[in-house]
C-alpha atoms as a PDB file:
ATOM      1  CA  UNK A   1     -52.681  10.598  57.911  1.00  0.00           C
ATOM      2  CA  UNK A   2     -56.382  11.046  57.804  1.00  0.00           C
ATOM      3  CA  UNK A   3     -58.918   8.617  56.221  1.00  0.00           C
ATOM      4  CA  UNK A   4     -61.963  10.097  54.664  1.00  0.00           C
ATOM      5  CA  UNK A   5     -64.976   7.929  53.846  1.00  0.00           C
ATOM      6  CA  UNK A   6     -68.096   8.446  51.577  1.00  0.00           C
ATOM      7  CA  UNK A   7     -71.315   6.526  52.657  1.00  0.00           C
ATOM      8  CA  UNK A   8     -73.663   5.321  49.884  1.00  0.00           C
ATOM      9  CA  UNK A   9     -77.516   3.728  50.359  1.00  0.00           C
ATOM     10  CA  UNK A  10     -77.282   0.134  49.275  1.00  0.00           C
ATOM     11  CA  UNK A  11     -79.298   0.555  46.196  1.00  0.00           C
ATOM     12  CA  UNK A  12     -76.482   3.129  44.983  1.00  0.00           C
ATOM     13  CA  UNK A  13     -73.556   0.803  45.379  1.00  0.00           C
ATOM     14  CA  UNK A  14     -73.565   0.248  41.747  1.00  0.00           C
ATOM     15  CA  UNK A  15     -72.299   3.460  41.258  1.00  0.00           C
ATOM     16  CA  UNK A  16     -68.858   2.780  42.732  1.00  0.00           C
ATOM     17  CA  UNK A  17     -68.130   1.338  39.210  1.00  0.00           C
ATOM     18  CA  UNK A  18     -67.622   4.766  37.984  1.00  0.00           C
ATOM     19  CA  UNK A  19     -64.492   4.992  40.193  1.00  0.00           C
ATOM     20  CA  UNK A  20     -62.978   1.779  40.378  1.00  0.00           C
ATOM     21  CA  UNK A  21     -59.788   2.846  38.345  1.00  0.00           C
ATOM     22  CA  UNK A  22     -58.819   5.539  41.315  1.00  0.00           C
ATOM     23  CA  UNK A  23     -56.108   4.216  43.232  1.00  0.00           C
ATOM     24  CA  UNK A  24     -56.367   3.327  46.722  1.00  0.00           C
ATOM     25  CA  UNK A  25     -60.125   2.827  47.321  1.00  0.00           C
ATOM     26  CA  UNK A  26     -61.361   0.620  50.002  1.00  0.00           C
ATOM     27  CA  UNK A  27     -64.857  -0.683  50.485  1.00  0.00           C
ATOM     28  CA  UNK A  28     -66.874  -2.429  53.160  1.00  0.00           C
ATOM     29  CA  UNK A  29     -70.773  -3.082  53.872  1.00  0.00           C
ATOM     30  CA  UNK A  30     -73.021  -2.417  56.773  1.00  0.00           C
ATOM     31  CA  UNK A  31     -76.626  -3.237  57.252  1.00  0.00           C
ATOM     32  CA  UNK A  32     -77.910  -0.277  55.545  1.00  0.00           C
ATOM     33  CA  UNK A  33     -75.042   1.296  53.685  1.00  0.00           C
ATOM     34  CA  UNK A  34     -71.716   0.839  51.368  1.00  0.00           C
ATOM     35  CA  UNK A  35     -68.644   2.604  52.574  1.00  0.00           C
ATOM     36  CA  UNK A  36     -65.928   3.577  50.383  1.00  0.00           C
ATOM     37  CA  UNK A  37     -62.483   5.197  52.076  1.00  0.00           C
ATOM     38  CA  UNK A  38     -58.976   6.517  50.725  1.00  0.00           C
ATOM     39  CA  UNK A  39     -56.315   7.807  52.879  1.00  0.00           C
ATOM     40  CA  UNK A  40     -55.457  11.617  52.179  1.00  0.00           C
ATOM     41  CA  UNK A  41     -57.188  11.812  48.838  1.00  0.00           C
ATOM     42  CA  UNK A  42     -56.266  14.608  46.514  1.00  0.00           C
ATOM     43  CA  UNK A  43     -58.288  17.459  45.269  1.00  0.00           C
ATOM     44  CA  UNK A  44     -58.375  15.490  41.721  1.00  0.00           C
ATOM     45  CA  UNK A  45     -59.775  12.556  43.718  1.00  0.00           C
ATOM     46  CA  UNK A  46     -62.120  14.033  45.563  1.00  0.00           C
ATOM     47  CA  UNK A  47     -63.430  15.812  42.797  1.00  0.00           C
ATOM     48  CA  UNK A  48     -63.877  12.510  40.625  1.00  0.00           C
ATOM     49  CA  UNK A  49     -65.435  10.942  43.879  1.00  0.00           C
ATOM     50  CA  UNK A  50     -68.019  14.039  43.981  1.00  0.00           C
ATOM     51  CA  UNK A  51     -70.350  12.238  41.171  1.00  0.00           C
ATOM     52  CA  UNK A  52     -71.149   9.519  43.844  1.00  0.00           C
ATOM     53  CA  UNK A  53     -74.589  10.225  45.806  1.00  0.00           C
ATOM     54  CA  UNK A  54     -72.779   9.991  49.151  1.00  0.00           C
ATOM     55  CA  UNK A  55     -72.114  11.787  52.333  1.00  0.00           C
ATOM     56  CA  UNK A  56     -68.215  12.424  52.702  1.00  0.00           C
ATOM     57  CA  UNK A  57     -66.704  12.611  56.250  1.00  0.00           C
ATOM     58  CA  UNK A  58     -63.239  12.435  57.705  1.00  0.00           C
ATOM     59  CA  UNK A  59     -62.341   9.687  60.434  1.00  0.00           C
ATOM     60  CA  UNK A  60     -61.308  10.843  63.807  1.00  0.00           C
ATOM     61  CA  UNK A  61     -58.635   8.882  65.575  1.00  0.00           C
ATOM     62  CA  UNK A  62     -61.353   7.157  67.837  1.00  0.00           C
ATOM     63  CA  UNK A  63     -63.327   6.394  64.610  1.00  0.00           C
ATOM     64  CA  UNK A  64     -65.895   9.123  65.240  1.00  0.00           C
ATOM     65  CA  UNK A  65     -67.131  10.905  61.653  1.00  0.00           C
ATOM     66  CA  UNK A  66     -67.046  14.118  61.012  1.00  0.00           C
ATOM     67  CA  UNK A  67     -69.205  15.171  57.760  1.00  0.00           C
ATOM     68  CA  UNK A  68     -67.641  17.369  55.441  1.00  0.00           C
ATOM     69  CA  UNK A  69     -68.480  20.984  56.155  1.00  0.00           C
ATOM     70  CA  UNK A  70     -69.463  20.573  59.941  1.00  0.00           C
ATOM     71  CA  UNK A  71     -67.473  20.472  63.033  1.00  0.00           C
ATOM     72  CA  UNK A  72     -69.433  18.114  65.365  1.00  0.00           C
ATOM     73  CA  UNK A  73     -68.765  14.300  64.916  1.00  0.00           C
ATOM     74  CA  UNK A  74     -71.694  12.388  64.056  1.00  0.00           C
ATOM     75  CA  UNK A  75     -71.512   8.573  63.932  1.00  0.00           C
ATOM     76  CA  UNK A  76     -68.767   6.268  63.706  1.00  0.00           C
ATOM     77  CA  UNK A  77     -66.693   4.143  61.248  1.00  0.00           C
ATOM     78  CA  UNK A  78     -68.202   0.387  60.871  1.00  0.00           C
ATOM     79  CA  UNK A  79     -65.905  -2.241  62.572  1.00  0.00           C
ATOM     80  CA  UNK A  80     -65.735  -4.556  59.557  1.00  0.00           C
ATOM     81  CA  UNK A  81     -63.258  -5.792  57.269  1.00  0.00           C
ATOM     82  CA  UNK A  82     -62.181  -3.485  54.067  1.00  0.00           C
ATOM     83  CA  UNK A  83     -61.309  -4.950  50.640  1.00  0.00           C
ATOM     84  CA  UNK A  84     -59.998  -2.993  47.527  1.00  0.00           C
ATOM     85  CA  UNK A  85     -62.840  -1.612  45.461  1.00  0.00           C
ATOM     86  CA  UNK A  86     -61.680  -3.537  42.659  1.00  0.00           C
ATOM     87  CA  UNK A  87     -62.028  -6.871  44.201  1.00  0.00           C
ATOM     88  CA  UNK A  88     -65.360  -5.886  45.862  1.00  0.00           C
ATOM     89  CA  UNK A  89     -66.691  -4.861  42.423  1.00  0.00           C
ATOM     90  CA  UNK A  90     -66.131  -8.178  40.929  1.00  0.00           C
ATOM     91  CA  UNK A  91     -67.493  -9.956  43.840  1.00  0.00           C
ATOM     92  CA  UNK A  92     -70.863  -7.721  43.779  1.00  0.00           C
ATOM     93  CA  UNK A  93     -71.545  -7.668  39.870  1.00  0.00           C
ATOM     94  CA  UNK A  94     -74.851  -9.574  39.071  1.00  0.00           C
ATOM     95  CA  UNK A  95     -73.002 -12.089  37.136  1.00  0.00           C
ATOM     96  CA  UNK A  96     -73.499 -15.120  39.092  1.00  0.00           C
ATOM     97  CA  UNK A  97     -75.514 -18.017  37.480  1.00  0.00           C
ATOM     98  CA  UNK A  98     -78.911 -18.475  38.084  1.00  0.00           C
ATOM     99  CA  UNK A  99     -79.648 -21.385  36.274  1.00  0.00           C
ATOM    100  CA  UNK A 100     -79.624 -24.200  38.887  1.00  0.00           C
ATOM    101  CA  UNK A 101     -82.197 -26.648  38.868  1.00  0.00           C
ATOM    102  CA  UNK A 102     -83.947 -27.909  42.209  1.00  0.00           C
ATOM    103  CA  UNK A 103     -82.487 -30.868  43.886  1.00  0.00           C
ATOM    104  CA  UNK A 104     -85.660 -32.840  43.429  1.00  0.00           C
ATOM    105  CA  UNK A 105     -87.651 -33.166  40.081  1.00  0.00           C
ATOM    106  CA  UNK A 106     -91.188 -32.302  40.310  1.00  0.00           C
ATOM    107  CA  UNK A 107     -94.112 -33.861  38.279  1.00  0.00           C
ATOM    108  CA  UNK A 108     -95.738 -30.642  36.429  1.00  0.00           C
ATOM    109  CA  UNK A 109     -97.656 -30.358  33.196  1.00  0.00           C
ATOM    110  CA  UNK A 110     -98.057 -26.690  31.279  1.00  0.00           C
ATOM    111  CA  UNK A 111    -101.252 -25.739  29.927  1.00  0.00           C
ATOM    112  CA  UNK A 112    -102.334 -22.579  28.152  1.00  0.00           C
ATOM    113  CA  UNK A 113    -103.628 -19.926  30.201  1.00  0.00           C
ATOM    114  CA  UNK A 114    -106.209 -17.356  28.628  1.00  0.00           C
ATOM    115  CA  UNK A 115    -106.256 -14.933  31.758  1.00  0.00           C
ATOM    116  CA  UNK A 116    -104.823 -11.359  30.918  1.00  0.00           C
ATOM    117  CA  UNK A 117    -102.230 -10.447  33.362  1.00  0.00           C
ATOM    118  CA  UNK A 118     -99.421  -7.841  32.909  1.00  0.00           C
ATOM    119  CA  UNK A 119     -95.986  -9.597  32.610  1.00  0.00           C
ATOM    120  CA  UNK A 120     -93.709  -7.978  35.020  1.00  0.00           C
ATOM    121  CA  UNK A 121     -90.517 -10.274  34.609  1.00  0.00           C
ATOM    122  CA  UNK A 122     -88.526 -10.562  31.233  1.00  0.00           C
ATOM    123  CA  UNK A 123     -85.852 -12.849  30.047  1.00  0.00           C
ATOM    124  CA  UNK A 124     -83.821 -11.393  27.202  1.00  0.00           C
ATOM    125  CA  UNK A 125     -80.199 -11.072  25.700  1.00  0.00           C
ATOM    126  CA  UNK A 126     -77.911  -9.080  27.696  1.00  0.00           C
ATOM    127  CA  UNK A 127     -77.104  -6.832  24.445  1.00  0.00           C
ATOM    128  CA  UNK A 128     -80.480  -6.048  24.078  1.00  0.00           C
ATOM    129  CA  UNK A 129     -80.945  -4.990  27.696  1.00  0.00           C
ATOM    130  CA  UNK A 130     -77.585  -3.349  27.530  1.00  0.00           C
ATOM    131  CA  UNK A 131     -78.740  -1.219  24.438  1.00  0.00           C
ATOM    132  CA  UNK A 132     -81.858  -0.384  26.025  1.00  0.00           C
ATOM    133  CA  UNK A 133     -80.646   0.570  29.407  1.00  0.00           C
ATOM    134  CA  UNK A 134     -77.705   2.691  28.611  1.00  0.00           C
ATOM    135  CA  UNK A 135     -80.038   4.975  26.445  1.00  0.00           C
ATOM    136  CA  UNK A 136     -83.280   5.134  28.489  1.00  0.00           C
ATOM    137  CA  UNK A 137     -83.906   7.708  30.956  1.00  0.00           C
ATOM    138  CA  UNK A 138     -83.067   6.951  34.702  1.00  0.00           C
ATOM    139  CA  UNK A 139     -86.674   7.659  35.406  1.00  0.00           C
ATOM    140  CA  UNK A 140     -87.844   4.871  33.120  1.00  0.00           C
ATOM    141  CA  UNK A 141     -85.202   2.454  34.988  1.00  0.00           C
ATOM    142  CA  UNK A 142     -86.342   3.298  38.581  1.00  0.00           C
ATOM    143  CA  UNK A 143     -88.702   0.793  38.695  1.00  0.00           C
ATOM    144  CA  UNK A 144     -86.550  -2.164  37.234  1.00  0.00           C
ATOM    145  CA  UNK A 145     -83.856  -4.461  38.708  1.00  0.00           C
ATOM    146  CA  UNK A 146     -82.040  -6.942  36.745  1.00  0.00           C
ATOM    147  CA  UNK A 147     -79.525 -10.044  36.986  1.00  0.00           C
ATOM    148  CA  UNK A 148     -77.288 -11.573  34.625  1.00  0.00           C
ATOM    149  CA  UNK A 149     -75.583 -15.036  34.277  1.00  0.00           C
ATOM    150  CA  UNK A 150     -72.096 -16.063  32.983  1.00  0.00           C
ATOM    151  CA  UNK A 151     -73.999 -17.059  29.538  1.00  0.00           C
ATOM    152  CA  UNK A 152     -75.265 -13.417  29.599  1.00  0.00           C
ATOM    153  CA  UNK A 153     -78.882 -14.334  29.981  1.00  0.00           C
ATOM    154  CA  UNK A 154     -80.717 -11.434  31.562  1.00  0.00           C
ATOM    155  CA  UNK A 155     -83.752 -11.311  33.777  1.00  0.00           C
ATOM    156  CA  UNK A 156     -85.465  -8.009  33.849  1.00  0.00           C
ATOM    157  CA  UNK A 157     -87.906  -7.440  36.717  1.00  0.00           C
ATOM    158  CA  UNK A 158     -90.431  -4.826  37.321  1.00  0.00           C
ATOM    159  CA  UNK A 159     -92.967  -2.716  35.270  1.00  0.00           C
ATOM    160  CA  UNK A 160     -93.656  -1.780  32.580  1.00  0.00           C
ATOM    161  CA  UNK A 161     -90.976  -3.821  31.129  1.00  0.00           C
ATOM    162  CA  UNK A 162     -88.826  -2.714  28.320  1.00  0.00           C
ATOM    163  CA  UNK A 163     -89.883  -3.234  24.829  1.00  0.00           C
ATOM    164  CA  UNK A 164     -87.430  -5.960  24.023  1.00  0.00           C
ATOM    165  CA  UNK A 165     -87.591  -9.086  22.361  1.00  0.00           C
ATOM    166  CA  UNK A 166     -87.671 -12.200  24.908  1.00  0.00           C
ATOM    167  CA  UNK A 167     -89.783 -14.414  27.047  1.00  0.00           C
ATOM    168  CA  UNK A 168     -92.291 -12.790  29.336  1.00  0.00           C
ATOM    169  CA  UNK A 169     -93.314 -14.133  32.780  1.00  0.00           C
ATOM    170  CA  UNK A 170     -95.993 -13.330  35.316  1.00  0.00           C
ATOM    171  CA  UNK A 171     -94.771 -13.616  39.169  1.00  0.00           C
ATOM    172  CA  UNK A 172     -97.157 -15.147  41.445  1.00  0.00           C
ATOM    173  CA  UNK A 173     -95.863 -15.182  45.031  1.00  0.00           C
ATOM    174  CA  UNK A 174     -92.246 -16.964  44.424  1.00  0.00           C
ATOM    175  CA  UNK A 175     -93.278 -18.556  40.927  1.00  0.00           C
ATOM    176  CA  UNK A 176     -92.570 -16.654  37.867  1.00  0.00           C
ATOM    177  CA  UNK A 177     -94.669 -18.559  35.085  1.00  0.00           C
ATOM    178  CA  UNK A 178     -94.088 -17.911  31.457  1.00  0.00           C
ATOM    179  CA  UNK A 179     -96.983 -15.445  29.961  1.00  0.00           C
ATOM    180  CA  UNK A 180     -99.861 -17.224  28.551  1.00  0.00           C
ATOM    181  CA  UNK A 181     -99.304 -20.577  30.550  1.00  0.00           C
ATOM    182  CA  UNK A 182     -99.906 -22.018  33.978  1.00  0.00           C
ATOM    183  CA  UNK A 183     -99.378 -25.232  35.866  1.00  0.00           C
ATOM    184  CA  UNK A 184    -101.074 -28.577  36.394  1.00  0.00           C
ATOM    185  CA  UNK A 185    -102.029 -29.769  38.932  1.00  0.00           C
ATOM    186  CA  UNK A 186    -103.556 -26.583  39.959  1.00  0.00           C
ATOM    187  CA  UNK A 187    -101.851 -25.622  43.620  1.00  0.00           C
ATOM    188  CA  UNK A 188    -101.227 -22.362  44.989  1.00  0.00           C
ATOM    189  CA  UNK A 189     -97.924 -20.751  44.161  1.00  0.00           C
ATOM    190  CA  UNK A 190     -96.991 -21.291  48.076  1.00  0.00           C
ATOM    191  CA  UNK A 191     -97.411 -24.989  47.925  1.00  0.00           C
ATOM    192  CA  UNK A 192     -95.449 -25.017  44.466  1.00  0.00           C
ATOM    193  CA  UNK A 193     -92.739 -22.942  46.121  1.00  0.00           C
ATOM    194  CA  UNK A 194     -92.571 -25.516  49.196  1.00  0.00           C
ATOM    195  CA  UNK A 195     -92.255 -28.750  46.709  1.00  0.00           C
ATOM    196  CA  UNK A 196     -89.588 -26.845  44.840  1.00  0.00           C
ATOM    197  CA  UNK A 197     -87.851 -26.318  48.170  1.00  0.00           C
ATOM    198  CA  UNK A 198     -87.341 -22.347  47.339  1.00  0.00           C
ATOM    199  CA  UNK A 199     -85.655 -20.704  50.143  1.00  0.00           C
ATOM    200  CA  UNK A 200     -86.611 -17.087  51.138  1.00  0.00           C
ATOM    201  CA  UNK A 201     -86.225 -14.308  48.676  1.00  0.00           C
ATOM    202  CA  UNK A 202     -85.954 -16.960  45.713  1.00  0.00           C
ATOM    203  CA  UNK A 203     -87.734 -16.901  42.555  1.00  0.00           C
ATOM    204  CA  UNK A 204     -88.324 -20.063  40.288  1.00  0.00           C
ATOM    205  CA  UNK A 205     -88.746 -19.150  36.468  1.00  0.00           C
ATOM    206  CA  UNK A 206     -91.239 -21.652  35.117  1.00  0.00           C
ATOM    207  CA  UNK A 207     -90.959 -22.078  31.313  1.00  0.00           C
ATOM    208  CA  UNK A 208     -93.658 -23.306  29.110  1.00  0.00           C
ATOM    209  CA  UNK A 209     -91.781 -26.566  28.439  1.00  0.00           C
ATOM    210  CA  UNK A 210     -91.985 -27.363  32.291  1.00  0.00           C
ATOM    211  CA  UNK A 211     -88.219 -26.717  32.739  1.00  0.00           C
ATOM    212  CA  UNK A 212     -87.495 -24.094  35.524  1.00  0.00           C
ATOM    213  CA  UNK A 213     -84.378 -22.280  36.953  1.00  0.00           C
ATOM    214  CA  UNK A 214     -83.978 -20.602  40.112  1.00  0.00           C
ATOM    215  CA  UNK A 215     -82.964 -16.875  40.982  1.00  0.00           C
ATOM    216  CA  UNK A 216     -81.734 -15.654  44.375  1.00  0.00           C
ATOM    217  CA  UNK A 217     -82.725 -12.070  45.430  1.00  0.00           C
ATOM    218  CA  UNK A 218     -79.176 -11.375  45.684  1.00  0.00           C
ATOM    219  CA  UNK A 219     -78.867 -11.758  41.855  1.00  0.00           C
ATOM    220  CA  UNK A 220     -80.724  -8.886  41.510  1.00  0.00           C
ATOM    221  CA  UNK A 221     -79.391  -4.901  41.675  1.00  0.00           C
ATOM    222  CA  UNK A 222     -81.058  -1.985  40.731  1.00  0.00           C
ATOM    223  CA  UNK A 223     -80.974  -1.030  37.195  1.00  0.00           C
ATOM    224  CA  UNK A 224     -78.789   2.147  36.267  1.00  0.00           C
ATOM    225  CA  UNK A 225     -76.517   2.885  33.405  1.00  0.00           C
ATOM    226  CA  UNK A 226     -73.605   2.629  35.689  1.00  0.00           C
ATOM    227  CA  UNK A 227     -74.792  -0.951  37.089  1.00  0.00           C
ATOM    228  CA  UNK A 228     -75.435  -2.071  33.243  1.00  0.00           C
ATOM    229  CA  UNK A 229     -72.075  -0.727  31.989  1.00  0.00           C
ATOM    230  CA  UNK A 230     -70.176  -2.135  34.957  1.00  0.00           C
ATOM    231  CA  UNK A 231     -71.685  -5.613  34.190  1.00  0.00           C
ATOM    232  CA  UNK A 232     -70.655  -5.407  30.308  1.00  0.00           C
ATOM    233  CA  UNK A 233     -67.163  -4.576  31.244  1.00  0.00           C
ATOM    234  CA  UNK A 234     -67.109  -7.589  33.755  1.00  0.00           C
ATOM    235  CA  UNK A 235     -68.566  -9.755  31.168  1.00  0.00           C
ATOM    236  CA  UNK A 236     -66.098  -8.624  28.599  1.00  0.00           C
ATOM    237  CA  UNK A 237     -63.305  -9.203  30.978  1.00  0.00           C
ATOM    238  CA  UNK A 238     -64.099 -12.600  31.926  1.00  0.00           C
ATOM    239  CA  UNK A 239     -64.473 -13.871  28.267  1.00  0.00           C
END
């Protein structure tokens, strides 16, 4: 029996939601890619997997890969653990909560800010985001990433932001402050991030009432119709 693998770039991994219903699919991750494998795929399965933006290869006995349509081995299969695609999809969707408060309270007051700066982060409902994303052109989504928590709060990051109802924020360093507001005392975003004990890649969402939430870099995924639809299905099944 011969294994066949498909190699996807990390930013395309959400596309795997399109084929999660196919039997026998397993997945693993390397530093720069996501790998999908299946043993002796039928022509029908290969046709369905052809929708993926991936490089297909067959796996030799020694782990070398021969890309489809070629004869010379190139590269090796990652030596790591594999898991069923259905299980991996559940772990990888951006539905982990991002509402945790910092461990130490800080003394901040909020004041109006009249400076005109374009917002680049939006807090909206998932339904509004879903309706927009599933009808928008992919070129419109390419500049956006999103994160969703279990309460279906959705944070969309990038420019230009979609024209949705919600609360808009301006990202300054690791601090996203609600548009039209700033904080007192007037310390730099870097100092405020240290006081908030933010870790590398984390962003603090600072609201006008002084409350704040923390989002990790791994909460965000590239905005694609497939990623949004997969998230919608995950939220539905989780209810």
